[in-house]
C-alpha atoms as a PDB file:
ATOM      1  CA  LYS A   1      40.021  32.467 -57.315  1.00  0.00           C
ATOM      2  CA  MET A   2      42.205  34.858 -55.484  1.00  0.00           C
ATOM      3  CA  SER A   3      42.111  38.576 -56.511  1.00  0.00           C
ATOM      4  CA  PRO A   4      45.104  40.846 -56.455  1.00  0.00           C
ATOM      5  CA  ASP A   5      43.677  42.651 -53.570  1.00  0.00           C
ATOM      6  CA  ASN A   6      43.019  39.141 -51.781  1.00  0.00           C
ATOM      7  CA  LEU A   7      46.741  38.382 -52.360  1.00  0.00           C
ATOM      8  CA  GLN A   8      47.914  41.648 -51.099  1.00  0.00           C
ATOM      9  CA  SER A   9      46.039  41.623 -47.973  1.00  0.00           C
ATOM     10  CA  THR A  10      46.824  37.929 -47.242  1.00  0.00           C
ATOM     11  CA  ALA A  11      50.631  38.565 -47.684  1.00  0.00           C
ATOM     12  CA  LYS A  12      50.246  41.714 -45.424  1.00  0.00           C
ATOM     13  CA  SER A  13      48.553  39.547 -42.785  1.00  0.00           C
ATOM     14  CA  LEU A  14      51.573  37.291 -42.851  1.00  0.00           C
ATOM     15  CA  GLY A  15      54.130  40.153 -42.329  1.00  0.00           C
ATOM     16  CA  PHE A  16      55.321  40.540 -45.983  1.00  0.00           C
ATOM     17  CA  GLU A  17      54.669  42.490 -49.165  1.00  0.00           C
ATOM     18  CA  ILE A  18      54.485  41.573 -52.649  1.00  0.00           C
ATOM     19  CA  ALA A  19      55.626  44.117 -55.198  1.00  0.00           C
ATOM     20  CA  PRO A  20      52.824  45.280 -57.443  1.00  0.00           C
ATOM     21  CA  GLY A  21      54.802  43.953 -60.513  1.00  0.00           C
ATOM     22  CA  ASP A  22      54.937  40.348 -59.017  1.00  0.00           C
ATOM     23  CA  VAL A  23      51.363  40.099 -58.259  1.00  0.00           C
ATOM     24  CA  ASP A  24      50.196  38.587 -61.732  1.00  0.00           C
ATOM     25  CA  GLU A  25      53.127  35.959 -61.545  1.00  0.00           C
ATOM     26  CA  TYR A  26      51.961  34.903 -57.953  1.00  0.00           C
ATOM     27  CA  LEU A  27      48.427  34.539 -59.114  1.00  0.00           C
ATOM     28  CA  SER A  28      49.422  32.449 -62.116  1.00  0.00           C
ATOM     29  CA  ILE A  29      50.681  30.077 -59.861  1.00  0.00           C
ATOM     30  CA  ILE A  30      48.151  30.090 -57.101  1.00  0.00           C
ATOM     31  CA  ASN A  31      44.883  30.236 -59.058  1.00  0.00           C
ATOM     32  CA  PRO A  32      45.314  26.968 -61.031  1.00  0.00           C
ATOM     33  CA  ALA A  33      46.055  25.272 -57.524  1.00  0.00           C
ATOM     34  CA  PHE A  34      42.780  26.744 -56.421  1.00  0.00           C
ATOM     35  CA  ASP A  35      40.768  25.637 -59.717  1.00  0.00           C
ATOM     36  CA  ALA A  36      42.265  22.124 -58.842  1.00  0.00           C
ATOM     37  CA  TYR A  37      41.033  22.067 -55.195  1.00  0.00           C
ATOM     38  CA  ALA A  38      37.434  23.331 -56.295  1.00  0.00           C
ATOM     39  CA  ALA A  39      37.336  20.414 -58.926  1.00  0.00           C
ATOM     40  CA  VAL A  40      38.269  17.874 -56.195  1.00  0.00           C
ATOM     41  CA  ASP A  41      35.818  19.330 -53.738  1.00  0.00           C
ATOM     42  CA  HIS A  42      33.086  19.186 -56.248  1.00  0.00           C
ATOM     43  CA  MET A  43      33.665  15.204 -56.876  1.00  0.00           C
ATOM     44  CA  PRO A  44      31.144  12.625 -55.267  1.00  0.00           C
ATOM     45  CA  ASP A  45      32.623  11.006 -52.179  1.00  0.00           C
ATOM     46  CA  PHE A  46      32.931   7.260 -52.480  1.00  0.00           C
ATOM     47  CA  LEU A  47      31.748   5.639 -49.498  1.00  0.00           C
ATOM     48  CA  PRO A  48      32.231   1.888 -49.533  1.00  0.00           C
ATOM     49  CA  GLU A  49      29.037  -0.167 -48.536  1.00  0.00           C
ATOM     50  CA  VAL A  50      28.982  -1.268 -44.969  1.00  0.00           C
ATOM     51  CA  LYS A  51      28.065  -4.895 -45.397  1.00  0.00           C
ATOM     52  CA  TYR A  52      27.428  -6.037 -41.892  1.00  0.00           C
ATOM     53  CA  PRO A  53      24.743  -4.634 -39.490  1.00  0.00           C
ATOM     54  CA  ARG A  54      25.722  -3.368 -36.139  1.00  0.00           C
ATOM     55  CA  THR A  55      24.713  -0.841 -33.320  1.00  0.00           C
ATOM     56  CA  SER A  56      26.987   1.780 -32.102  1.00  0.00           C
ATOM     57  CA  GLY A  57      27.811  -0.255 -29.099  1.00  0.00           C
ATOM     58  CA  ILE A  58      27.996   0.494 -25.481  1.00  0.00           C
ATOM     59  CA  GLN A  59      30.688   1.970 -23.261  1.00  0.00           C
ATOM     60  CA  PRO A  60      31.309  -0.313 -20.358  1.00  0.00           C
ATOM     61  CA  THR A  61      31.060   0.570 -16.819  1.00  0.00           C
ATOM     62  CA  ALA A  62      34.050   0.667 -14.503  1.00  0.00           C
ATOM     63  CA  ASN A  63      32.959  -2.584 -13.197  1.00  0.00           C
ATOM     64  CA  GLU A  64      32.670  -4.127 -16.540  1.00  0.00           C
ATOM     65  CA  ASN A  65      36.146  -2.555 -17.531  1.00  0.00           C
ATOM     66  CA  PRO A  66      38.596  -3.056 -14.677  1.00  0.00           C
ATOM     67  CA  LEU A  67      41.851  -2.590 -16.879  1.00  0.00           C
ATOM     68  CA  ASN A  68      40.294   0.507 -18.559  1.00  0.00           C
ATOM     69  CA  ALA A  69      40.839  -1.523 -21.824  1.00  0.00           C
ATOM     70  CA  TRP A  70      37.860  -1.257 -23.526  1.00  0.00           C
ATOM     71  CA  TYR A  71      36.493   1.976 -25.165  1.00  0.00           C
ATOM     72  CA  VAL A  72      33.262   0.379 -26.516  1.00  0.00           C
ATOM     73  CA  LYS A  73      31.851  -2.816 -26.742  1.00  0.00           C
ATOM     74  CA  THR A  74      30.080  -4.122 -29.865  1.00  0.00           C
ATOM     75  CA  ASP A  75      28.910  -7.731 -31.203  1.00  0.00           C
ATOM     76  CA  ILE A  76      29.290  -7.349 -35.086  1.00  0.00           C
ATOM     77  CA  VAL A  77      28.992 -10.621 -36.609  1.00  0.00           C
ATOM     78  CA  GLY A  78      30.751 -11.564 -39.944  1.00  0.00           C
ATOM     79  CA  ALA A  79      30.037 -14.000 -42.441  1.00  0.00           C
ATOM     80  CA  VAL A  80      27.832 -16.814 -41.934  1.00  0.00           C
ATOM     81  CA  ASP A  81      26.745 -19.777 -43.946  1.00  0.00           C
ATOM     82  CA  LYS A  82      23.090 -20.760 -44.924  1.00  0.00           C
ATOM     83  CA  ASP A  83      22.311 -22.153 -41.347  1.00  0.00           C
ATOM     84  CA  GLY A  84      23.392 -18.759 -39.823  1.00  0.00           C
ATOM     85  CA  GLU A  85      26.902 -20.111 -38.481  1.00  0.00           C
ATOM     86  CA  PRO A  86      30.031 -18.283 -38.939  1.00  0.00           C
ATOM     87  CA  LYS A  87      32.132 -19.278 -42.095  1.00  0.00           C
ATOM     88  CA  GLY A  88      35.667 -18.448 -42.767  1.00  0.00           C
ATOM     89  CA  ILE A  89      39.072 -18.763 -41.409  1.00  0.00           C
ATOM     90  CA  LEU A  90      38.210 -16.527 -38.395  1.00  0.00           C
ATOM     91  CA  SER A  91      34.989 -18.368 -37.538  1.00  0.00           C
ATOM     92  CA  GLY A  92      34.035 -17.808 -33.839  1.00  0.00           C
ATOM     93  CA  GLN A  93      37.025 -15.741 -33.216  1.00  0.00           C
ATOM     94  CA  SER A  94      36.383 -12.440 -31.298  1.00  0.00           C
ATOM     95  CA  VAL A  95      38.607  -9.547 -32.385  1.00  0.00           C
ATOM     96  CA  VAL A  96      38.980  -5.984 -30.773  1.00  0.00           C
ATOM     97  CA  LEU A  97      40.104  -3.192 -32.753  1.00  0.00           C
ATOM     98  CA  LYS A  98      42.640  -0.432 -31.545  1.00  0.00           C
ATOM     99  CA  ASP A  99      40.681   2.738 -31.363  1.00  0.00           C
ATOM    100  CA  ASN A 100      42.360   4.331 -34.362  1.00  0.00           C
ATOM    101  CA  ILE A 101      40.825   2.105 -36.851  1.00  0.00           C
ATOM    102  CA  CYS A 102      37.460   3.109 -38.557  1.00  0.00           C
ATOM    103  CA  LEU A 103      34.578   1.000 -37.632  1.00  0.00           C
ATOM    104  CA  SER A 104      31.328   2.546 -39.332  1.00  0.00           C
ATOM    105  CA  GLY A 105      28.693   3.796 -36.948  1.00  0.00           C
ATOM    106  CA  VAL A 106      30.781   3.359 -33.809  1.00  0.00           C
ATOM    107  CA  PRO A 107      32.614   6.177 -32.040  1.00  0.00           C
ATOM    108  CA  MET A 108      36.424   6.721 -32.423  1.00  0.00           C
ATOM    109  CA  THR A 109      38.872   8.781 -30.491  1.00  0.00           C
ATOM    110  CA  SER A 110      42.223   7.650 -31.304  1.00  0.00           C
ATOM    111  CA  GLY A 111      42.832   7.991 -27.514  1.00  0.00           C
ATOM    112  CA  SER A 112      42.369  11.663 -27.669  1.00  0.00           C
ATOM    113  CA  ALA A 113      39.783  14.310 -26.433  1.00  0.00           C
ATOM    114  CA  VAL A 114      40.286  16.142 -29.662  1.00  0.00           C
ATOM    115  CA  LEU A 115      38.359  13.568 -31.414  1.00  0.00           C
ATOM    116  CA  GLU A 116      35.741  13.007 -29.023  1.00  0.00           C
ATOM    117  CA  GLY A 117      32.354  12.865 -30.711  1.00  0.00           C
ATOM    118  CA  TYR A 118      33.749  11.733 -34.011  1.00  0.00           C
ATOM    119  CA  THR A 119      31.941   8.752 -35.591  1.00  0.00           C
ATOM    120  CA  PRO A 120      33.263   7.089 -38.789  1.00  0.00           C
ATOM    121  CA  ASP A 121      30.899   6.384 -41.572  1.00  0.00           C
ATOM    122  CA  VAL A 122      33.091   3.726 -43.257  1.00  0.00           C
ATOM    123  CA  ASP A 123      34.753   0.414 -42.106  1.00  0.00           C
ATOM    124  CA  ALA A 124      38.465   0.093 -42.497  1.00  0.00           C
ATOM    125  CA  THR A 125      39.702  -2.503 -44.865  1.00  0.00           C
ATOM    126  CA  VAL A 126      40.844  -4.709 -42.065  1.00  0.00           C
ATOM    127  CA  VAL A 127      37.532  -4.603 -40.592  1.00  0.00           C
ATOM    128  CA  GLU A 128      35.870  -5.909 -43.532  1.00  0.00           C
ATOM    129  CA  ARG A 129      38.447  -8.571 -44.093  1.00  0.00           C
ATOM    130  CA  ILE A 130      37.964  -9.772 -40.522  1.00  0.00           C
ATOM    131  CA  LEU A 131      34.068  -9.899 -40.904  1.00  0.00           C
ATOM    132  CA  ASP A 132      34.361 -11.528 -44.375  1.00  0.00           C
ATOM    133  CA  ALA A 133      36.599 -14.333 -42.753  1.00  0.00           C
ATOM    134  CA  GLY A 134      33.913 -14.865 -40.320  1.00  0.00           C
ATOM    135  CA  GLY A 135      35.293 -13.130 -37.302  1.00  0.00           C
ATOM    136  CA  ARG A 136      33.195 -11.187 -34.845  1.00  0.00           C
ATOM    137  CA  ILE A 137      34.058  -7.602 -33.758  1.00  0.00           C
ATOM    138  CA  ALA A 138      33.878  -7.441 -30.022  1.00  0.00           C
ATOM    139  CA  GLY A 139      34.649  -3.771 -29.801  1.00  0.00           C
ATOM    140  CA  LYS A 140      37.292  -0.746 -29.723  1.00  0.00           C
ATOM    141  CA  ALA A 141      40.186  -0.739 -27.375  1.00  0.00           C
ATOM    142  CA  HIS A 142      41.645   2.284 -25.674  1.00  0.00           C
ATOM    143  CA  CYS A 143      45.177   3.471 -27.363  1.00  0.00           C
ATOM    144  CA  GLU A 144      47.425   6.091 -26.331  1.00  0.00           C
ATOM    145  CA  ASP A 145      46.713   9.934 -27.019  1.00  0.00           C
ATOM    146  CA  LEU A 146      46.990  10.087 -30.865  1.00  0.00           C
ATOM    147  CA  CYS A 147      49.143   6.869 -30.608  1.00  0.00           C
ATOM    148  CA  PHE A 148      52.317   8.750 -29.555  1.00  0.00           C
ATOM    149  CA  SER A 149      53.227   6.878 -26.459  1.00  0.00           C
ATOM    150  CA  GLY A 150      55.053   3.628 -25.484  1.00  0.00           C
ATOM    151  CA  GLY A 151      53.449   3.629 -22.161  1.00  0.00           C
ATOM    152  CA  SER A 152      49.975   3.261 -21.221  1.00  0.00           C
ATOM    153  CA  HIS A 153      49.274   6.188 -19.366  1.00  0.00           C
ATOM    154  CA  THR A 154      48.302   8.937 -21.936  1.00  0.00           C
ATOM    155  CA  SER A 155      44.848   8.145 -23.112  1.00  0.00           C
ATOM    156  CA  ALA A 156      42.234  10.671 -22.550  1.00  0.00           C
ATOM    157  CA  LYS A 157      40.148   8.068 -20.994  1.00  0.00           C
ATOM    158  CA  GLY A 158      42.703   7.150 -18.423  1.00  0.00           C
ATOM    159  CA  PRO A 159      45.579   4.686 -18.043  1.00  0.00           C
ATOM    160  CA  VAL A 160      45.262   1.171 -19.275  1.00  0.00           C
ATOM    161  CA  LEU A 161      46.163  -1.232 -16.518  1.00  0.00           C
ATOM    162  CA  ASN A 162      48.590  -4.263 -17.100  1.00  0.00           C
ATOM    163  CA  PRO A 163      46.477  -7.261 -16.156  1.00  0.00           C
ATOM    164  CA  HIS A 164      49.510  -9.218 -14.793  1.00  0.00           C
ATOM    165  CA  ASN A 165      50.253  -6.395 -12.423  1.00  0.00           C
ATOM    166  CA  VAL A 166      47.940  -3.207 -12.387  1.00  0.00           C
ATOM    167  CA  ASP A 167      50.921  -1.368 -10.854  1.00  0.00           C
ATOM    168  CA  HIS A 168      52.934  -1.778 -14.181  1.00  0.00           C
ATOM    169  CA  SER A 169      52.442  -0.319 -17.432  1.00  0.00           C
ATOM    170  CA  ALA A 170      50.890  -2.241 -20.247  1.00  0.00           C
ATOM    171  CA  GLY A 171      53.000  -0.571 -22.801  1.00  0.00           C
ATOM    172  CA  GLY A 172      51.475   1.477 -25.793  1.00  0.00           C
ATOM    173  CA  SER A 173      50.296   2.774 -28.143  1.00  0.00           C
ATOM    174  CA  SER A 174      48.137  -0.376 -28.616  1.00  0.00           C
ATOM    175  CA  SER A 175      47.688  -0.680 -24.932  1.00  0.00           C
ATOM    176  CA  GLY A 176      44.120  -1.540 -24.577  1.00  0.00           C
ATOM    177  CA  SER A 177      44.278  -4.213 -27.510  1.00  0.00           C
ATOM    178  CA  ALA A 178      47.296  -5.988 -25.803  1.00  0.00           C
ATOM    179  CA  ALA A 179      45.538  -5.867 -22.343  1.00  0.00           C
ATOM    180  CA  LEU A 180      42.393  -7.490 -23.522  1.00  0.00           C
ATOM    181  CA  VAL A 181      44.359 -10.291 -25.219  1.00  0.00           C
ATOM    182  CA  ALA A 182      46.508 -10.849 -22.045  1.00  0.00           C
ATOM    183  CA  ALA A 183      43.356 -10.949 -19.972  1.00  0.00           C
ATOM    184  CA  GLY A 184      41.641 -13.407 -22.108  1.00  0.00           C
ATOM    185  CA  GLU A 185      38.693 -11.057 -22.861  1.00  0.00           C
ATOM    186  CA  VAL A 186      39.176 -11.578 -26.592  1.00  0.00           C
ATOM    187  CA  ASP A 187      40.787 -14.101 -28.833  1.00  0.00           C
ATOM    188  CA  MET A 188      42.897 -11.559 -30.765  1.00  0.00           C
ATOM    189  CA  ALA A 189      43.198  -7.832 -31.479  1.00  0.00           C
ATOM    190  CA  ILE A 190      44.403  -5.348 -34.155  1.00  0.00           C
ATOM    191  CA  GLY A 191      46.688  -2.758 -33.366  1.00  0.00           C
ATOM    192  CA  GLY A 192      49.207  -0.608 -35.374  1.00  0.00           C
ATOM    193  CA  ASP A 193      52.925  -0.242 -35.244  1.00  0.00           C
ATOM    194  CA  GLN A 194      55.196   2.243 -36.827  1.00  0.00           C
ATOM    195  CA  GLY A 195      57.658   2.727 -33.835  1.00  0.00           C
ATOM    196  CA  GLY A 196      56.643  -0.222 -31.548  1.00  0.00           C
ATOM    197  CA  SER A 197      53.197   0.231 -30.585  1.00  0.00           C
ATOM    198  CA  ILE A 198      52.336  -3.650 -31.107  1.00  0.00           C
ATOM    199  CA  ARG A 199      55.750  -4.734 -30.047  1.00  0.00           C
ATOM    200  CA  ILE A 200      56.116  -2.893 -26.829  1.00  0.00           C
ATOM    201  CA  PRO A 201      52.781  -3.904 -25.275  1.00  0.00           C
ATOM    202  CA  ALA A 202      53.119  -7.488 -26.813  1.00  0.00           C
ATOM    203  CA  ALA A 203      56.641  -7.590 -24.887  1.00  0.00           C
ATOM    204  CA  PHE A 204      55.158  -6.018 -21.529  1.00  0.00           C
ATOM    205  CA  LEU A 205      52.150  -8.419 -21.598  1.00  0.00           C
ATOM    206  CA  TRP A 206      53.777 -11.730 -22.914  1.00  0.00           C
ATOM    207  CA  ASN A 207      51.610 -11.611 -25.913  1.00  0.00           C
ATOM    208  CA  CYS A 208      52.499 -12.680 -29.481  1.00  0.00           C
ATOM    209  CA  GLY A 209      52.241  -9.559 -31.607  1.00  0.00           C
ATOM    210  CA  GLY A 210      53.397  -8.684 -34.963  1.00  0.00           C
END
């Protein structure tokens, strides 16, 4: 909990003063919030089970990645039948994920150097649904730096090239996802779109995106 002295020193560090007569009123508002934060902090984390085995994948060489569209290549097999064959509506389909989607045990940067070294320990819901439907996760695709660009030039790992014309933009922010589909390297890709991040690269690369 915050003490009167902590409150006054914090206020002073922020460039203002609290009248002595107001300290108790401020603390009556602040300390219950701290109590709530402490209660939440002591709750156990719920980590959903990771159902499908995988490795951390590999980062392809420049020769294996001429469009600079791949971040990590994986081979995560989804649901199979009793004979070990894929089962479900996505059976046999390869899917690449935009690199802002959590894939447990596989590095994720969201296109930014800020997140370099981060590895999620959970699968996003969309990942679990793809695998439950028999799909195969082929890897993670580069995206724009924190997904803030409609171009394909801001990723911390370098620009993603347009497979139709490497002198042209692939669009963004789901740049790598769209480029890999357009190049025929995967059957489909998962992106994310709040301001055109699927629609723009789909339009630039003649993909179906929605």
